[in-house]
Amino acid sequence: MAKATVPHFRNDEGVEKIRIGTGEFKCTGTSPPFDHPHVYLDMGDENQIVCPYCSTLFERSGELGQNEADPAACAYPDGVV
């Protein structure tokens, strides 16, 4: 049985909003070693959520794949840390 991974996103660029292609993900804040605790976020029925650690606004977009972000640098290349 294949195990699904939870996409990870980061905000090294310090942008206010990151568009992502999923509603369930982990926010790391920035790249290690300056990351915050990796927090699992679930938008549920909403299309936006704010990370309680770094205050980044994440917005779900149907135009992006599960592991994609806009800006693109906010998505980890392999989806996870």
PDB file of N, CA and C in Angstrom:
ATOM      1  N   MET A   1       0.838  -1.175   0.000  1.00  0.00           N
ATOM      2  CA  MET A   1       0.000   0.000   0.000  1.00  0.00           C
ATOM      3  C   MET A   1       0.885   1.240   0.000  1.00  0.00           C
ATOM      4  N   ALA A   2       0.621   2.152  -0.910  1.00  0.00           N
ATOM      5  CA  ALA A   2       1.402   3.379  -1.000  1.00  0.00           C
ATOM      6  C   ALA A   2       0.985   4.347   0.104  1.00  0.00           C
ATOM      7  N   LYS A   3       1.966   5.032   0.667  1.00  0.00           N
ATOM      8  CA  LYS A   3       1.696   5.989   1.729  1.00  0.00           C
ATOM      9  C   LYS A   3       1.719   7.397   1.155  1.00  0.00           C
ATOM     10  N   ALA A   4       0.659   8.159   1.356  1.00  0.00           N
ATOM     11  CA  ALA A   4       0.592   9.538   0.860  1.00  0.00           C
ATOM     12  C   ALA A   4       1.432  10.440   1.758  1.00  0.00           C
ATOM     13  N   THR A   5       2.073  11.425   1.155  1.00  0.00           N
ATOM     14  CA  THR A   5       2.846  12.384   1.931  1.00  0.00           C
ATOM     15  C   THR A   5       2.103  13.709   2.009  1.00  0.00           C
ATOM     16  N   VAL A   6       2.352  14.431   3.069  1.00  0.00           N
ATOM     17  CA  VAL A   6       1.750  15.741   3.255  1.00  0.00           C
ATOM     18  C   VAL A   6       2.724  16.777   2.699  1.00  0.00           C
ATOM     19  N   PRO A   7       2.275  17.607   1.747  1.00  0.00           N
ATOM     20  CA  PRO A   7       3.171  18.621   1.186  1.00  0.00           C
ATOM     21  C   PRO A   7       3.638  19.611   2.254  1.00  0.00           C
ATOM     22  N   HIS A   8       4.870  20.105   2.091  1.00  0.00           N
ATOM     23  CA  HIS A   8       5.443  21.099   2.992  1.00  0.00           C
ATOM     24  C   HIS A   8       5.683  22.381   2.209  1.00  0.00           C
ATOM     25  N   PHE A   9       5.410  23.510   2.845  1.00  0.00           N
ATOM     26  CA  PHE A   9       5.642  24.808   2.223  1.00  0.00           C
ATOM     27  C   PHE A   9       6.427  25.690   3.176  1.00  0.00           C
ATOM     28  N   ARG A  10       7.173  26.648   2.616  1.00  0.00           N
ATOM     29  CA  ARG A  10       8.030  27.550   3.391  1.00  0.00           C
ATOM     30  C   ARG A  10       7.867  28.965   2.854  1.00  0.00           C
ATOM     31  N   ASN A  11       8.307  29.933   3.648  1.00  0.00           N
ATOM     32  CA  ASN A  11       8.190  31.328   3.235  1.00  0.00           C
ATOM     33  C   ASN A  11       9.525  32.041   3.388  1.00  0.00           C
ATOM     34  N   ASP A  12      10.543  31.549   2.700  1.00  0.00           N
ATOM     35  CA  ASP A  12      11.867  32.173   2.758  1.00  0.00           C
ATOM     36  C   ASP A  12      11.858  33.594   2.201  1.00  0.00           C
ATOM     37  N   GLU A  13      10.929  33.868   1.280  1.00  0.00           N
ATOM     38  CA  GLU A  13      10.873  35.176   0.631  1.00  0.00           C
ATOM     39  C   GLU A  13      10.133  36.215   1.468  1.00  0.00           C
ATOM     40  N   GLY A  14       9.444  35.781   2.515  1.00  0.00           N
ATOM     41  CA  GLY A  14       8.724  36.708   3.382  1.00  0.00           C
ATOM     42  C   GLY A  14       7.494  37.334   2.739  1.00  0.00           C
ATOM     43  N   VAL A  15       6.850  36.613   1.816  1.00  0.00           N
ATOM     44  CA  VAL A  15       5.652  37.138   1.167  1.00  0.00           C
ATOM     45  C   VAL A  15       4.455  37.065   2.120  1.00  0.00           C
ATOM     46  N   GLU A  16       3.460  37.903   1.890  1.00  0.00           N
ATOM     47  CA  GLU A  16       2.276  37.918   2.748  1.00  0.00           C
ATOM     48  C   GLU A  16       1.340  36.752   2.456  1.00  0.00           C
ATOM     49  N   LYS A  17       1.258  36.338   1.167  1.00  0.00           N
ATOM     50  CA  LYS A  17       0.318  35.291   0.778  1.00  0.00           C
ATOM     51  C   LYS A  17       1.007  34.298  -0.146  1.00  0.00           C
ATOM     52  N   ILE A  18       0.726  33.008   0.092  1.00  0.00           N
ATOM     53  CA  ILE A  18       1.222  31.935  -0.761  1.00  0.00           C
ATOM     54  C   ILE A  18       0.013  31.162  -1.275  1.00  0.00           C
ATOM     55  N   ARG A  19      -0.099  31.056  -2.586  1.00  0.00           N
ATOM     56  CA  ARG A  19      -1.151  30.252  -3.199  1.00  0.00           C
ATOM     57  C   ARG A  19      -0.637  28.818  -3.307  1.00  0.00           C
ATOM     58  N   ILE A  20      -1.451  27.843  -2.896  1.00  0.00           N
ATOM     59  CA  ILE A  20      -1.047  26.442  -2.931  1.00  0.00           C
ATOM     60  C   ILE A  20      -2.171  25.602  -3.536  1.00  0.00           C
ATOM     61  N   GLY A  21      -1.827  24.398  -3.969  1.00  0.00           N
ATOM     62  CA  GLY A  21      -2.789  23.529  -4.636  1.00  0.00           C
ATOM     63  C   GLY A  21      -3.418  22.489  -3.748  1.00  0.00           C
ATOM     64  N   THR A  22      -3.374  22.663  -2.440  1.00  0.00           N
ATOM     65  CA  THR A  22      -3.944  21.693  -1.511  1.00  0.00           C
ATOM     66  C   THR A  22      -4.517  22.412  -0.299  1.00  0.00           C
ATOM     67  N   GLY A  23      -5.376  21.741   0.433  1.00  0.00           N
ATOM     68  CA  GLY A  23      -5.936  22.320   1.645  1.00  0.00           C
ATOM     69  C   GLY A  23      -5.344  21.721   2.906  1.00  0.00           C
ATOM     70  N   GLU A  24      -4.523  20.680   2.759  1.00  0.00           N
ATOM     71  CA  GLU A  24      -3.882  20.017   3.900  1.00  0.00           C
ATOM     72  C   GLU A  24      -2.388  19.990   3.649  1.00  0.00           C
ATOM     73  N   PHE A  25      -1.607  20.555   4.574  1.00  0.00           N
ATOM     74  CA  PHE A  25      -0.175  20.705   4.345  1.00  0.00           C
ATOM     75  C   PHE A  25       0.525  21.031   5.659  1.00  0.00           C
ATOM     76  N   LYS A  26       1.849  21.107   5.585  1.00  0.00           N
ATOM     77  CA  LYS A  26       2.649  21.558   6.730  1.00  0.00           C
ATOM     78  C   LYS A  26       3.373  22.835   6.353  1.00  0.00           C
ATOM     79  N   CYS A  27       3.369  23.773   7.269  1.00  0.00           N
ATOM     80  CA  CYS A  27       4.128  25.012   7.110  1.00  0.00           C
ATOM     81  C   CYS A  27       5.377  24.888   7.976  1.00  0.00           C
ATOM     82  N   THR A  28       6.523  25.218   7.394  1.00  0.00           N
ATOM     83  CA  THR A  28       7.783  25.162   8.143  1.00  0.00           C
ATOM     84  C   THR A  28       8.294  26.555   8.489  1.00  0.00           C
ATOM     85  N   GLY A  29       7.596  27.587   8.039  1.00  0.00           N
ATOM     86  CA  GLY A  29       8.065  28.959   8.251  1.00  0.00           C
ATOM     87  C   GLY A  29       9.097  29.305   7.204  1.00  0.00           C
ATOM     88  N   THR A  30      10.351  29.013   7.482  1.00  0.00           N
ATOM     89  CA  THR A  30      11.441  29.180   6.524  1.00  0.00           C
ATOM     90  C   THR A  30      12.186  27.861   6.424  1.00  0.00           C
ATOM     91  N   SER A  31      13.213  27.848   5.604  1.00  0.00           N
ATOM     92  CA  SER A  31      14.026  26.638   5.465  1.00  0.00           C
ATOM     93  C   SER A  31      14.870  26.428   6.718  1.00  0.00           C
ATOM     94  N   PRO A  32      15.126  25.165   7.082  1.00  0.00           N
ATOM     95  CA  PRO A  32      16.017  24.882   8.206  1.00  0.00           C
ATOM     96  C   PRO A  32      17.393  25.508   7.961  1.00  0.00           C
ATOM     97  N   PRO A  33      18.074  25.975   8.957  1.00  0.00           N
ATOM     98  CA  PRO A  33      17.820  25.798  10.387  1.00  0.00           C
ATOM     99  C   PRO A  33      16.992  26.912  11.010  1.00  0.00           C
ATOM    100  N   PHE A  34      16.392  27.783  10.225  1.00  0.00           N
ATOM    101  CA  PHE A  34      15.647  28.919  10.765  1.00  0.00           C
ATOM    102  C   PHE A  34      14.139  28.695  10.738  1.00  0.00           C
ATOM    103  N   ASP A  35      13.725  27.438  10.612  1.00  0.00           N
ATOM    104  CA  ASP A  35      12.313  27.095  10.544  1.00  0.00           C
ATOM    105  C   ASP A  35      11.648  27.179  11.916  1.00  0.00           C
ATOM    106  N   HIS A  36      10.313  27.256  11.910  1.00  0.00           N
ATOM    107  CA  HIS A  36       9.555  27.156  13.156  1.00  0.00           C
ATOM    108  C   HIS A  36       9.057  25.719  13.267  1.00  0.00           C
ATOM    109  N   PRO A  37       8.442  25.326  14.381  1.00  0.00           N
ATOM    110  CA  PRO A  37       7.904  23.962  14.454  1.00  0.00           C
ATOM    111  C   PRO A  37       7.015  23.684  13.243  1.00  0.00           C
ATOM    112  N   HIS A  38       7.187  22.546  12.644  1.00  0.00           N
ATOM    113  CA  HIS A  38       6.426  22.191  11.450  1.00  0.00           C
ATOM    114  C   HIS A  38       4.989  21.897  11.861  1.00  0.00           C
ATOM    115  N   VAL A  39       4.092  22.778  11.486  1.00  0.00           N
ATOM    116  CA  VAL A  39       2.710  22.700  11.924  1.00  0.00           C
ATOM    117  C   VAL A  39       1.822  22.228  10.776  1.00  0.00           C
ATOM    118  N   TYR A  40       0.971  21.237  11.077  1.00  0.00           N
ATOM    119  CA  TYR A  40       0.010  20.699  10.109  1.00  0.00           C
ATOM    120  C   TYR A  40      -1.192  21.632  10.073  1.00  0.00           C
ATOM    121  N   LEU A  41      -1.560  22.073   8.875  1.00  0.00           N
ATOM    122  CA  LEU A  41      -2.704  22.964   8.712  1.00  0.00           C
ATOM    123  C   LEU A  41      -3.717  22.317   7.774  1.00  0.00           C
ATOM    124  N   ASP A  42      -4.985  22.455   8.097  1.00  0.00           N
ATOM    125  CA  ASP A  42      -6.076  21.890   7.305  1.00  0.00           C
ATOM    126  C   ASP A  42      -7.119  22.981   7.108  1.00  0.00           C
ATOM    127  N   MET A  43      -7.327  23.387   5.865  1.00  0.00           N
ATOM    128  CA  MET A  43      -8.279  24.449   5.557  1.00  0.00           C
ATOM    129  C   MET A  43      -9.732  24.003   5.687  1.00  0.00           C
ATOM    130  N   GLY A  44      -9.976  22.707   5.683  1.00  0.00           N
ATOM    131  CA  GLY A  44     -11.351  22.224   5.725  1.00  0.00           C
ATOM    132  C   GLY A  44     -12.112  22.723   4.513  1.00  0.00           C
ATOM    133  N   ASP A  45     -13.272  23.343   4.737  1.00  0.00           N
ATOM    134  CA  ASP A  45     -14.107  23.854   3.651  1.00  0.00           C
ATOM    135  C   ASP A  45     -13.710  25.265   3.218  1.00  0.00           C
ATOM    136  N   GLU A  46     -12.809  25.870   3.939  1.00  0.00           N
ATOM    137  CA  GLU A  46     -12.377  27.235   3.623  1.00  0.00           C
ATOM    138  C   GLU A  46     -11.325  27.216   2.514  1.00  0.00           C
ATOM    139  N   ASN A  47     -11.021  28.374   1.954  1.00  0.00           N
ATOM    140  CA  ASN A  47      -9.998  28.482   0.913  1.00  0.00           C
ATOM    141  C   ASN A  47      -8.764  29.231   1.387  1.00  0.00           C
ATOM    142  N   GLN A  48      -8.741  29.619   2.657  1.00  0.00           N
ATOM    143  CA  GLN A  48      -7.585  30.329   3.209  1.00  0.00           C
ATOM    144  C   GLN A  48      -7.349  29.891   4.644  1.00  0.00           C
ATOM    145  N   ILE A  49      -6.085  30.009   5.054  1.00  0.00           N
ATOM    146  CA  ILE A  49      -5.725  29.752   6.452  1.00  0.00           C
ATOM    147  C   ILE A  49      -4.444  30.522   6.744  1.00  0.00           C
ATOM    148  N   VAL A  50      -4.297  30.975   7.988  1.00  0.00           N
ATOM    149  CA  VAL A  50      -3.107  31.702   8.418  1.00  0.00           C
ATOM    150  C   VAL A  50      -2.315  30.793   9.351  1.00  0.00           C
ATOM    151  N   CYS A  51      -1.005  30.682   9.097  1.00  0.00           N
ATOM    152  CA  CYS A  51      -0.145  29.889   9.977  1.00  0.00           C
ATOM    153  C   CYS A  51      -0.042  30.598  11.332  1.00  0.00           C
ATOM    154  N   PRO A  52      -0.308  29.878  12.432  1.00  0.00           N
ATOM    155  CA  PRO A  52      -0.252  30.514  13.753  1.00  0.00           C
ATOM    156  C   PRO A  52       1.169  30.879  14.204  1.00  0.00           C
ATOM    157  N   TYR A  53       2.190  30.326  13.565  1.00  0.00           N
ATOM    158  CA  TYR A  53       3.571  30.635  13.943  1.00  0.00           C
ATOM    159  C   TYR A  53       4.142  31.817  13.173  1.00  0.00           C
ATOM    160  N   CYS A  54       4.007  31.801  11.842  1.00  0.00           N
ATOM    161  CA  CYS A  54       4.668  32.831  11.025  1.00  0.00           C
ATOM    162  C   CYS A  54       3.696  33.830  10.402  1.00  0.00           C
ATOM    163  N   SER A  55       2.406  33.644  10.615  1.00  0.00           N
ATOM    164  CA  SER A  55       1.352  34.533  10.112  1.00  0.00           C
ATOM    165  C   SER A  55       1.277  34.610   8.594  1.00  0.00           C
ATOM    166  N   THR A  56       1.825  33.625   7.896  1.00  0.00           N
ATOM    167  CA  THR A  56       1.693  33.571   6.441  1.00  0.00           C
ATOM    168  C   THR A  56       0.270  33.168   6.086  1.00  0.00           C
ATOM    169  N   LEU A  57      -0.329  33.873   5.141  1.00  0.00           N
ATOM    170  CA  LEU A  57      -1.649  33.523   4.636  1.00  0.00           C
ATOM    171  C   LEU A  57      -1.486  32.539   3.487  1.00  0.00           C
ATOM    172  N   PHE A  58      -2.122  31.384   3.599  1.00  0.00           N
ATOM    173  CA  PHE A  58      -2.124  30.381   2.539  1.00  0.00           C
ATOM    174  C   PHE A  58      -3.498  30.385   1.891  1.00  0.00           C
ATOM    175  N   GLU A  59      -3.506  30.385   0.562  1.00  0.00           N
ATOM    176  CA  GLU A  59      -4.752  30.406  -0.194  1.00  0.00           C
ATOM    177  C   GLU A  59      -4.772  29.229  -1.161  1.00  0.00           C
ATOM    178  N   ARG A  60      -5.836  28.431  -1.103  1.00  0.00           N
ATOM    179  CA  ARG A  60      -5.969  27.269  -1.983  1.00  0.00           C
ATOM    180  C   ARG A  60      -6.317  27.732  -3.399  1.00  0.00           C
ATOM    181  N   SER A  61      -5.639  27.126  -4.385  1.00  0.00           N
ATOM    182  CA  SER A  61      -5.876  27.459  -5.787  1.00  0.00           C
ATOM    183  C   SER A  61      -6.037  26.183  -6.590  1.00  0.00           C
ATOM    184  N   GLY A  62      -7.136  26.075  -7.322  1.00  0.00           N
ATOM    185  CA  GLY A  62      -7.375  24.920  -8.175  1.00  0.00           C
ATOM    186  C   GLY A  62      -6.483  24.889  -9.402  1.00  0.00           C
ATOM    187  N   GLU A  63      -5.742  25.960  -9.640  1.00  0.00           N
ATOM    188  CA  GLU A  63      -4.833  26.040 -10.785  1.00  0.00           C
ATOM    189  C   GLU A  63      -3.486  25.373 -10.513  1.00  0.00           C
ATOM    190  N   LEU A  64      -3.225  25.026  -9.258  1.00  0.00           N
ATOM    191  CA  LEU A  64      -1.929  24.468  -8.874  1.00  0.00           C
ATOM    192  C   LEU A  64      -2.068  23.006  -8.475  1.00  0.00           C
ATOM    193  N   GLY A  65      -1.001  22.229  -8.692  1.00  0.00           N
ATOM    194  CA  GLY A  65      -0.960  20.839  -8.249  1.00  0.00           C
ATOM    195  C   GLY A  65      -0.758  20.768  -6.747  1.00  0.00           C
ATOM    196  N   GLN A  66      -0.938  19.598  -6.176  1.00  0.00           N
ATOM    197  CA  GLN A  66      -0.875  19.398  -4.725  1.00  0.00           C
ATOM    198  C   GLN A  66       0.421  19.908  -4.101  1.00  0.00           C
ATOM    199  N   ASN A  67       1.554  19.723  -4.771  1.00  0.00           N
ATOM    200  CA  ASN A  67       2.848  20.136  -4.216  1.00  0.00           C
ATOM    201  C   ASN A  67       3.365  21.447  -4.802  1.00  0.00           C
ATOM    202  N   GLU A  68       2.490  22.203  -5.474  1.00  0.00           N
ATOM    203  CA  GLU A  68       2.907  23.440  -6.127  1.00  0.00           C
ATOM    204  C   GLU A  68       2.485  24.668  -5.320  1.00  0.00           C
ATOM    205  N   ALA A  69       3.254  25.735  -5.480  1.00  0.00           N
ATOM    206  CA  ALA A  69       2.959  26.997  -4.805  1.00  0.00           C
ATOM    207  C   ALA A  69       3.236  28.159  -5.743  1.00  0.00           C
ATOM    208  N   ASP A  70       2.644  29.284  -5.431  1.00  0.00           N
ATOM    209  CA  ASP A  70       2.920  30.537  -6.120  1.00  0.00           C
ATOM    210  C   ASP A  70       3.114  31.589  -5.045  1.00  0.00           C
ATOM    211  N   PRO A  71       4.360  32.029  -4.854  1.00  0.00           N
ATOM    212  CA  PRO A  71       5.574  31.818  -5.642  1.00  0.00           C
ATOM    213  C   PRO A  71       6.087  30.380  -5.534  1.00  0.00           C
ATOM    214  N   ALA A  72       6.645  29.901  -6.649  1.00  0.00           N
ATOM    215  CA  ALA A  72       7.104  28.520  -6.757  1.00  0.00           C
ATOM    216  C   ALA A  72       8.169  28.164  -5.727  1.00  0.00           C
ATOM    217  N   ALA A  73       9.006  29.123  -5.335  1.00  0.00           N
ATOM    218  CA  ALA A  73      10.089  28.846  -4.373  1.00  0.00           C
ATOM    219  C   ALA A  73       9.556  28.495  -2.985  1.00  0.00           C
ATOM    220  N   CYS A  74       8.273  28.698  -2.742  1.00  0.00           N
ATOM    221  CA  CYS A  74       7.695  28.389  -1.431  1.00  0.00           C
ATOM    222  C   CYS A  74       7.363  26.909  -1.254  1.00  0.00           C
ATOM    223  N   ALA A  75       7.416  26.142  -2.332  1.00  0.00           N
ATOM    224  CA  ALA A  75       7.173  24.699  -2.246  1.00  0.00           C
ATOM    225  C   ALA A  75       8.519  23.974  -2.179  1.00  0.00           C
ATOM    226  N   TYR A  76       8.606  22.989  -1.292  1.00  0.00           N
ATOM    227  CA  TYR A  76       9.808  22.165  -1.256  1.00  0.00           C
ATOM    228  C   TYR A  76       9.851  21.351  -2.545  1.00  0.00           C
ATOM    229  N   PRO A  77      11.014  21.230  -3.183  1.00  0.00           N
ATOM    230  CA  PRO A  77      11.118  20.542  -4.479  1.00  0.00           C
ATOM    231  C   PRO A  77      10.537  19.136  -4.493  1.00  0.00           C
ATOM    232  N   ASP A  78      10.702  18.384  -3.426  1.00  0.00           N
ATOM    233  CA  ASP A  78      10.176  17.011  -3.404  1.00  0.00           C
ATOM    234  C   ASP A  78       8.885  16.938  -2.591  1.00  0.00           C
ATOM    235  N   GLY A  79       8.351  18.083  -2.172  1.00  0.00           N
ATOM    236  CA  GLY A  79       7.096  18.123  -1.447  1.00  0.00           C
ATOM    237  C   GLY A  79       7.238  18.068   0.062  1.00  0.00           C
ATOM    238  N   VAL A  80       8.331  17.492   0.573  1.00  0.00           N
ATOM    239  CA  VAL A  80       8.511  17.372   2.024  1.00  0.00           C
ATOM    240  C   VAL A  80       9.946  17.685   2.398  1.00  0.00           C
ATOM    241  N   VAL A  81      10.131  17.974   3.696  1.00  0.00           N
ATOM    242  CA  VAL A  81      11.468  18.261   4.229  1.00  0.00           C
ATOM    243  C   VAL A  81      12.132  16.965   4.610  1.00  0.00           C
TER     244      VAL A  81
END
